[in-house]
Amino acid sequence: MSFTPELVAELEVLALFDLESTLEGLKIHQHAAPEKVAAARRLYDKKLIDQPDGGYLTSLGRDAAQSVQVLLTILVESTETA
């Protein structure tokens, strides 16, 4: 399996969520970049978020967003120490 542009866009949307608060969601406006709008819709279809334009993370979505953000932290820190 490889990272397609669609998967990367979904990962980028998941990385936008603030995991410190379950009361804060996202709104992907219709005039946002088309790939972000489409990524949000796919995340909704996969039941990772509760609205097709963002909303809140589902339980599964929260797990996915945590994994994405941990991976980003690892990769960024590895780059900074190299």
PDB file of N, CA and C in Angstrom:
ATOM      1  N   MET A   1       0.845  -1.175   0.000  1.00  0.00           N
ATOM      2  CA  MET A   1       0.000   0.000   0.000  1.00  0.00           C
ATOM      3  C   MET A   1       0.892   1.241   0.000  1.00  0.00           C
ATOM      4  N   SER A   2       0.511   2.205  -0.797  1.00  0.00           N
ATOM      5  CA  SER A   2       1.280   3.445  -0.841  1.00  0.00           C
ATOM      6  C   SER A   2       0.373   4.623  -0.498  1.00  0.00           C
ATOM      7  N   PHE A   3       1.007   5.762  -0.236  1.00  0.00           N
ATOM      8  CA  PHE A   3       0.277   6.979   0.090  1.00  0.00           C
ATOM      9  C   PHE A   3      -0.161   7.657  -1.203  1.00  0.00           C
ATOM     10  N   THR A   4      -1.448   7.620  -1.459  1.00  0.00           N
ATOM     11  CA  THR A   4      -2.006   8.307  -2.621  1.00  0.00           C
ATOM     12  C   THR A   4      -2.252   9.765  -2.241  1.00  0.00           C
ATOM     13  N   PRO A   5      -2.425  10.630  -3.206  1.00  0.00           N
ATOM     14  CA  PRO A   5      -2.762  12.021  -2.880  1.00  0.00           C
ATOM     15  C   PRO A   5      -4.049  12.126  -2.049  1.00  0.00           C
ATOM     16  N   GLU A   6      -4.991  11.231  -2.292  1.00  0.00           N
ATOM     17  CA  GLU A   6      -6.240  11.245  -1.534  1.00  0.00           C
ATOM     18  C   GLU A   6      -5.999  10.900  -0.067  1.00  0.00           C
ATOM     19  N   LEU A   7      -5.175   9.871   0.176  1.00  0.00           N
ATOM     20  CA  LEU A   7      -4.860   9.506   1.562  1.00  0.00           C
ATOM     21  C   LEU A   7      -4.088  10.608   2.268  1.00  0.00           C
ATOM     22  N   VAL A   8      -3.168  11.226   1.571  1.00  0.00           N
ATOM     23  CA  VAL A   8      -2.401  12.328   2.163  1.00  0.00           C
ATOM     24  C   VAL A   8      -3.343  13.463   2.556  1.00  0.00           C
ATOM     25  N   ALA A   9      -4.307  13.776   1.708  1.00  0.00           N
ATOM     26  CA  ALA A   9      -5.268  14.833   2.027  1.00  0.00           C
ATOM     27  C   ALA A   9      -6.088  14.467   3.263  1.00  0.00           C
ATOM     28  N   GLU A  10      -6.469  13.207   3.393  1.00  0.00           N
ATOM     29  CA  GLU A  10      -7.213  12.759   4.567  1.00  0.00           C
ATOM     30  C   GLU A  10      -6.349  12.862   5.822  1.00  0.00           C
ATOM     31  N   LEU A  11      -5.092  12.466   5.718  1.00  0.00           N
ATOM     32  CA  LEU A  11      -4.177  12.579   6.857  1.00  0.00           C
ATOM     33  C   LEU A  11      -4.010  14.043   7.276  1.00  0.00           C
ATOM     34  N   GLU A  12      -3.925  14.920   6.289  1.00  0.00           N
ATOM     35  CA  GLU A  12      -3.773  16.348   6.588  1.00  0.00           C
ATOM     36  C   GLU A  12      -4.993  16.891   7.321  1.00  0.00           C
ATOM     37  N   VAL A  13      -6.183  16.465   6.926  1.00  0.00           N
ATOM     38  CA  VAL A  13      -7.394  16.907   7.626  1.00  0.00           C
ATOM     39  C   VAL A  13      -7.394  16.363   9.051  1.00  0.00           C
ATOM     40  N   LEU A  14      -7.063  15.103   9.234  1.00  0.00           N
ATOM     41  CA  LEU A  14      -7.019  14.532  10.586  1.00  0.00           C
ATOM     42  C   LEU A  14      -6.010  15.247  11.464  1.00  0.00           C
ATOM     43  N   ALA A  15      -4.922  15.704  10.875  1.00  0.00           N
ATOM     44  CA  ALA A  15      -3.884  16.404  11.637  1.00  0.00           C
ATOM     45  C   ALA A  15      -4.360  17.774  12.119  1.00  0.00           C
ATOM     46  N   LEU A  16      -5.418  18.303  11.539  1.00  0.00           N
ATOM     47  CA  LEU A  16      -5.927  19.618  11.931  1.00  0.00           C
ATOM     48  C   LEU A  16      -6.724  19.595  13.232  1.00  0.00           C
ATOM     49  N   PHE A  17      -7.206  18.432  13.628  1.00  0.00           N
ATOM     50  CA  PHE A  17      -8.044  18.356  14.823  1.00  0.00           C
ATOM     51  C   PHE A  17      -7.231  18.601  16.088  1.00  0.00           C
ATOM     52  N   ASP A  18      -7.816  19.361  17.010  1.00  0.00           N
ATOM     53  CA  ASP A  18      -7.220  19.616  18.313  1.00  0.00           C
ATOM     54  C   ASP A  18      -7.638  18.482  19.238  1.00  0.00           C
ATOM     55  N   LEU A  19      -6.703  17.631  19.585  1.00  0.00           N
ATOM     56  CA  LEU A  19      -7.014  16.467  20.421  1.00  0.00           C
ATOM     57  C   LEU A  19      -7.105  16.806  21.903  1.00  0.00           C
ATOM     58  N   GLU A  20      -6.787  18.031  22.260  1.00  0.00           N
ATOM     59  CA  GLU A  20      -6.870  18.465  23.659  1.00  0.00           C
ATOM     60  C   GLU A  20      -8.313  18.688  24.096  1.00  0.00           C
ATOM     61  N   SER A  21      -9.210  18.881  23.143  1.00  0.00           N
ATOM     62  CA  SER A  21     -10.600  19.174  23.469  1.00  0.00           C
ATOM     63  C   SER A  21     -11.536  18.340  22.615  1.00  0.00           C
ATOM     64  N   THR A  22     -12.492  17.695  23.253  1.00  0.00           N
ATOM     65  CA  THR A  22     -13.511  16.962  22.497  1.00  0.00           C
ATOM     66  C   THR A  22     -14.648  17.899  22.095  1.00  0.00           C
ATOM     67  N   LEU A  23     -14.591  19.142  22.554  1.00  0.00           N
ATOM     68  CA  LEU A  23     -15.634  20.112  22.249  1.00  0.00           C
ATOM     69  C   LEU A  23     -15.310  20.986  21.045  1.00  0.00           C
ATOM     70  N   GLU A  24     -14.140  20.783  20.459  1.00  0.00           N
ATOM     71  CA  GLU A  24     -13.723  21.592  19.322  1.00  0.00           C
ATOM     72  C   GLU A  24     -13.683  20.730  18.068  1.00  0.00           C
ATOM     73  N   GLY A  25     -14.448  21.146  17.065  1.00  0.00           N
ATOM     74  CA  GLY A  25     -14.480  20.430  15.801  1.00  0.00           C
ATOM     75  C   GLY A  25     -13.838  21.254  14.700  1.00  0.00           C
ATOM     76  N   LEU A  26     -14.079  20.832  13.481  1.00  0.00           N
ATOM     77  CA  LEU A  26     -13.564  21.525  12.298  1.00  0.00           C
ATOM     78  C   LEU A  26     -14.713  21.834  11.347  1.00  0.00           C
ATOM     79  N   LYS A  27     -14.531  22.875  10.569  1.00  0.00           N
ATOM     80  CA  LYS A  27     -15.465  23.197   9.488  1.00  0.00           C
ATOM     81  C   LYS A  27     -14.623  23.381   8.234  1.00  0.00           C
ATOM     82  N   ILE A  28     -14.823  22.518   7.256  1.00  0.00           N
ATOM     83  CA  ILE A  28     -14.156  22.648   5.964  1.00  0.00           C
ATOM     84  C   ILE A  28     -15.160  23.366   5.055  1.00  0.00           C
ATOM     85  N   HIS A  29     -14.915  24.608   4.770  1.00  0.00           N
ATOM     86  CA  HIS A  29     -15.835  25.400   3.960  1.00  0.00           C
ATOM     87  C   HIS A  29     -15.819  24.942   2.510  1.00  0.00           C
ATOM     88  N   GLN A  30     -16.920  25.129   1.844  1.00  0.00           N
ATOM     89  CA  GLN A  30     -17.050  24.695   0.449  1.00  0.00           C
ATOM     90  C   GLN A  30     -16.099  25.426  -0.486  1.00  0.00           C
ATOM     91  N   HIS A  31     -15.603  26.596  -0.073  1.00  0.00           N
ATOM     92  CA  HIS A  31     -14.641  27.314  -0.917  1.00  0.00           C
ATOM     93  C   HIS A  31     -13.191  26.955  -0.571  1.00  0.00           C
ATOM     94  N   ALA A  32     -13.021  25.977   0.322  1.00  0.00           N
ATOM     95  CA  ALA A  32     -11.674  25.481   0.639  1.00  0.00           C
ATOM     96  C   ALA A  32     -11.136  24.726  -0.576  1.00  0.00           C
ATOM     97  N   ALA A  33      -9.866  24.375  -0.509  1.00  0.00           N
ATOM     98  CA  ALA A  33      -9.255  23.612  -1.605  1.00  0.00           C
ATOM     99  C   ALA A  33     -10.098  22.358  -1.872  1.00  0.00           C
ATOM    100  N   PRO A  34     -10.369  22.067  -3.128  1.00  0.00           N
ATOM    101  CA  PRO A  34     -11.227  20.919  -3.468  1.00  0.00           C
ATOM    102  C   PRO A  34     -10.744  19.600  -2.858  1.00  0.00           C
ATOM    103  N   GLU A  35      -9.428  19.423  -2.767  1.00  0.00           N
ATOM    104  CA  GLU A  35      -8.928  18.166  -2.182  1.00  0.00           C
ATOM    105  C   GLU A  35      -9.251  18.060  -0.697  1.00  0.00           C
ATOM    106  N   LYS A  36      -9.310  19.195   0.009  1.00  0.00           N
ATOM    107  CA  LYS A  36      -9.676  19.180   1.436  1.00  0.00           C
ATOM    108  C   LYS A  36     -11.169  18.875   1.602  1.00  0.00           C
ATOM    109  N   VAL A  37     -11.987  19.479   0.750  1.00  0.00           N
ATOM    110  CA  VAL A  37     -13.432  19.229   0.793  1.00  0.00           C
ATOM    111  C   VAL A  37     -13.698  17.747   0.532  1.00  0.00           C
ATOM    112  N   ALA A  38     -13.057  17.198  -0.487  1.00  0.00           N
ATOM    113  CA  ALA A  38     -13.236  15.788  -0.833  1.00  0.00           C
ATOM    114  C   ALA A  38     -12.695  14.875   0.268  1.00  0.00           C
ATOM    115  N   ALA A  39     -11.581  15.260   0.872  1.00  0.00           N
ATOM    116  CA  ALA A  39     -11.002  14.455   1.955  1.00  0.00           C
ATOM    117  C   ALA A  39     -11.948  14.399   3.138  1.00  0.00           C
ATOM    118  N   ALA A  40     -12.549  15.518   3.491  1.00  0.00           N
ATOM    119  CA  ALA A  40     -13.503  15.539   4.606  1.00  0.00           C
ATOM    120  C   ALA A  40     -14.686  14.630   4.292  1.00  0.00           C
ATOM    121  N   ARG A  41     -15.157  14.670   3.082  1.00  0.00           N
ATOM    122  CA  ARG A  41     -16.284  13.813   2.693  1.00  0.00           C
ATOM    123  C   ARG A  41     -15.908  12.336   2.820  1.00  0.00           C
ATOM    124  N   ARG A  42     -14.704  11.985   2.390  1.00  0.00           N
ATOM    125  CA  ARG A  42     -14.265  10.583   2.506  1.00  0.00           C
ATOM    126  C   ARG A  42     -14.120  10.173   3.965  1.00  0.00           C
ATOM    127  N   LEU A  43     -13.605  11.069   4.804  1.00  0.00           N
ATOM    128  CA  LEU A  43     -13.492  10.755   6.239  1.00  0.00           C
ATOM    129  C   LEU A  43     -14.868  10.545   6.855  1.00  0.00           C
ATOM    130  N   TYR A  44     -15.842  11.325   6.407  1.00  0.00           N
ATOM    131  CA  TYR A  44     -17.222  11.150   6.865  1.00  0.00           C
ATOM    132  C   TYR A  44     -17.756   9.791   6.405  1.00  0.00           C
ATOM    133  N   ASP A  45     -17.531   9.471   5.147  1.00  0.00           N
ATOM    134  CA  ASP A  45     -17.983   8.185   4.610  1.00  0.00           C
ATOM    135  C   ASP A  45     -17.341   7.011   5.341  1.00  0.00           C
ATOM    136  N   LYS A  46     -16.129   7.197   5.825  1.00  0.00           N
ATOM    137  CA  LYS A  46     -15.414   6.160   6.577  1.00  0.00           C
ATOM    138  C   LYS A  46     -15.767   6.175   8.058  1.00  0.00           C
ATOM    139  N   LYS A  47     -16.674   7.088   8.445  1.00  0.00           N
ATOM    140  CA  LYS A  47     -17.160   7.218   9.830  1.00  0.00           C
ATOM    141  C   LYS A  47     -16.068   7.669  10.801  1.00  0.00           C
ATOM    142  N   LEU A  48     -15.146   8.503  10.305  1.00  0.00           N
ATOM    143  CA  LEU A  48     -14.106   9.064  11.166  1.00  0.00           C
ATOM    144  C   LEU A  48     -14.484  10.443  11.693  1.00  0.00           C
ATOM    145  N   ILE A  49     -15.374  11.130  10.978  1.00  0.00           N
ATOM    146  CA  ILE A  49     -15.915  12.407  11.433  1.00  0.00           C
ATOM    147  C   ILE A  49     -17.436  12.347  11.300  1.00  0.00           C
ATOM    148  N   ASP A  50     -18.126  13.223  12.046  1.00  0.00           N
ATOM    149  CA  ASP A  50     -19.584  13.102  12.101  1.00  0.00           C
ATOM    150  C   ASP A  50     -20.350  13.994  11.129  1.00  0.00           C
ATOM    151  N   GLN A  51     -19.654  14.796  10.333  1.00  0.00           N
ATOM    152  CA  GLN A  51     -20.303  15.644   9.336  1.00  0.00           C
ATOM    153  C   GLN A  51     -19.481  15.589   8.039  1.00  0.00           C
ATOM    154  N   PRO A  52     -20.120  15.674   6.896  1.00  0.00           N
ATOM    155  CA  PRO A  52     -19.368  15.609   5.633  1.00  0.00           C
ATOM    156  C   PRO A  52     -18.444  16.799   5.403  1.00  0.00           C
ATOM    157  N   ASP A  53     -18.619  17.871   6.168  1.00  0.00           N
ATOM    158  CA  ASP A  53     -17.748  19.046   6.018  1.00  0.00           C
ATOM    159  C   ASP A  53     -16.902  19.284   7.271  1.00  0.00           C
ATOM    160  N   GLY A  54     -16.685  18.226   8.029  1.00  0.00           N
ATOM    161  CA  GLY A  54     -15.853  18.346   9.228  1.00  0.00           C
ATOM    162  C   GLY A  54     -16.584  17.847  10.451  1.00  0.00           C
ATOM    163  N   GLY A  55     -16.982  18.774  11.288  1.00  0.00           N
ATOM    164  CA  GLY A  55     -17.675  18.379  12.505  1.00  0.00           C
ATOM    165  C   GLY A  55     -16.695  17.896  13.562  1.00  0.00           C
ATOM    166  N   TYR A  56     -17.107  16.843  14.243  1.00  0.00           N
ATOM    167  CA  TYR A  56     -16.315  16.289  15.335  1.00  0.00           C
ATOM    168  C   TYR A  56     -15.792  14.913  14.965  1.00  0.00           C
ATOM    169  N   LEU A  57     -14.726  14.529  15.616  1.00  0.00           N
ATOM    170  CA  LEU A  57     -14.190  13.188  15.423  1.00  0.00           C
ATOM    171  C   LEU A  57     -15.106  12.162  16.075  1.00  0.00           C
ATOM    172  N   THR A  58     -15.292  11.036  15.421  1.00  0.00           N
ATOM    173  CA  THR A  58     -15.943   9.903  16.062  1.00  0.00           C
ATOM    174  C   THR A  58     -14.888   9.224  16.943  1.00  0.00           C
ATOM    175  N   SER A  59     -15.283   8.201  17.652  1.00  0.00           N
ATOM    176  CA  SER A  59     -14.314   7.467  18.473  1.00  0.00           C
ATOM    177  C   SER A  59     -13.191   6.890  17.602  1.00  0.00           C
ATOM    178  N   LEU A  60     -13.569   6.287  16.484  1.00  0.00           N
ATOM    179  CA  LEU A  60     -12.572   5.747  15.552  1.00  0.00           C
ATOM    180  C   LEU A  60     -11.735   6.870  14.950  1.00  0.00           C
ATOM    181  N   GLY A  61     -12.374   7.989  14.639  1.00  0.00           N
ATOM    182  CA  GLY A  61     -11.664   9.135  14.094  1.00  0.00           C
ATOM    183  C   GLY A  61     -10.650   9.700  15.066  1.00  0.00           C
ATOM    184  N   ARG A  62     -11.022   9.714  16.344  1.00  0.00           N
ATOM    185  CA  ARG A  62     -10.081  10.200  17.359  1.00  0.00           C
ATOM    186  C   ARG A  62      -8.844   9.303  17.416  1.00  0.00           C
ATOM    187  N   ASP A  63      -9.052   8.002  17.357  1.00  0.00           N
ATOM    188  CA  ASP A  63      -7.918   7.068  17.329  1.00  0.00           C
ATOM    189  C   ASP A  63      -7.042   7.333  16.106  1.00  0.00           C
ATOM    190  N   ALA A  64      -7.677   7.538  14.952  1.00  0.00           N
ATOM    191  CA  ALA A  64      -6.926   7.793  13.722  1.00  0.00           C
ATOM    192  C   ALA A  64      -6.161   9.105  13.813  1.00  0.00           C
ATOM    193  N   ALA A  65      -6.815  10.156  14.313  1.00  0.00           N
ATOM    194  CA  ALA A  65      -6.161  11.462  14.428  1.00  0.00           C
ATOM    195  C   ALA A  65      -4.986  11.406  15.398  1.00  0.00           C
ATOM    196  N   GLN A  66      -5.145  10.669  16.490  1.00  0.00           N
ATOM    197  CA  GLN A  66      -4.028  10.514  17.435  1.00  0.00           C
ATOM    198  C   GLN A  66      -2.853   9.823  16.760  1.00  0.00           C
ATOM    199  N   SER A  67      -3.131   8.784  16.005  1.00  0.00           N
ATOM    200  CA  SER A  67      -2.057   8.061  15.304  1.00  0.00           C
ATOM    201  C   SER A  67      -1.359   8.966  14.298  1.00  0.00           C
ATOM    202  N   VAL A  68      -2.130   9.726  13.542  1.00  0.00           N
ATOM    203  CA  VAL A  68      -1.559  10.647  12.562  1.00  0.00           C
ATOM    204  C   VAL A  68      -0.669  11.667  13.248  1.00  0.00           C
ATOM    205  N   GLN A  69      -1.153  12.235  14.341  1.00  0.00           N
ATOM    206  CA  GLN A  69      -0.398  13.288  15.008  1.00  0.00           C
ATOM    207  C   GLN A  69       0.854  12.743  15.693  1.00  0.00           C
ATOM    208  N   VAL A  70       0.788  11.529  16.215  1.00  0.00           N
ATOM    209  CA  VAL A  70       1.981  10.900  16.792  1.00  0.00           C
ATOM    210  C   VAL A  70       3.013  10.650  15.699  1.00  0.00           C
ATOM    211  N   LEU A  71       2.574  10.123  14.568  1.00  0.00           N
ATOM    212  CA  LEU A  71       3.488   9.863  13.455  1.00  0.00           C
ATOM    213  C   LEU A  71       4.140  11.155  12.973  1.00  0.00           C
ATOM    214  N   LEU A  72       3.369  12.217  12.834  1.00  0.00           N
ATOM    215  CA  LEU A  72       3.936  13.501  12.425  1.00  0.00           C
ATOM    216  C   LEU A  72       4.986  13.986  13.413  1.00  0.00           C
ATOM    217  N   THR A  73       4.689  13.852  14.695  1.00  0.00           N
ATOM    218  CA  THR A  73       5.647  14.271  15.724  1.00  0.00           C
ATOM    219  C   THR A  73       6.943  13.480  15.602  1.00  0.00           C
ATOM    220  N   ILE A  74       6.828  12.179  15.432  1.00  0.00           N
ATOM    221  CA  ILE A  74       8.016  11.331  15.298  1.00  0.00           C
ATOM    222  C   ILE A  74       8.830  11.735  14.075  1.00  0.00           C
ATOM    223  N   LEU A  75       8.162  11.910  12.946  1.00  0.00           N
ATOM    224  CA  LEU A  75       8.869  12.234  11.709  1.00  0.00           C
ATOM    225  C   LEU A  75       9.490  13.623  11.745  1.00  0.00           C
ATOM    226  N   VAL A  76       8.803  14.579  12.316  1.00  0.00           N
ATOM    227  CA  VAL A  76       9.336  15.943  12.403  1.00  0.00           C
ATOM    228  C   VAL A  76      10.512  15.985  13.368  1.00  0.00           C
ATOM    229  N   GLU A  77      10.372  15.336  14.513  1.00  0.00           N
ATOM    230  CA  GLU A  77      11.490  15.322  15.477  1.00  0.00           C
ATOM    231  C   GLU A  77      12.690  14.586  14.914  1.00  0.00           C
ATOM    232  N   SER A  78      12.464  13.527  14.159  1.00  0.00           N
ATOM    233  CA  SER A  78      13.580  12.785  13.550  1.00  0.00           C
ATOM    234  C   SER A  78      14.306  13.660  12.535  1.00  0.00           C
ATOM    235  N   THR A  79      13.574  14.487  11.800  1.00  0.00           N
ATOM    236  CA  THR A  79      14.164  15.384  10.823  1.00  0.00           C
ATOM    237  C   THR A  79      14.990  16.475  11.522  1.00  0.00           C
ATOM    238  N   GLU A  80      14.478  16.970  12.632  1.00  0.00           N
ATOM    239  CA  GLU A  80      15.157  18.063  13.344  1.00  0.00           C
ATOM    240  C   GLU A  80      16.436  17.585  14.026  1.00  0.00           C
ATOM    241  N   THR A  81      16.502  16.308  14.404  1.00  0.00           N
ATOM    242  CA  THR A  81      17.695  15.807  15.081  1.00  0.00           C
ATOM    243  C   THR A  81      18.714  15.205  14.127  1.00  0.00           C
ATOM    244  N   ALA A  82      18.332  15.080  12.877  1.00  0.00           N
ATOM    245  CA  ALA A  82      19.249  14.466  11.892  1.00  0.00           C
ATOM    246  C   ALA A  82      20.331  15.444  11.466  1.00  0.00           C
TER     247      ALA A  82
END
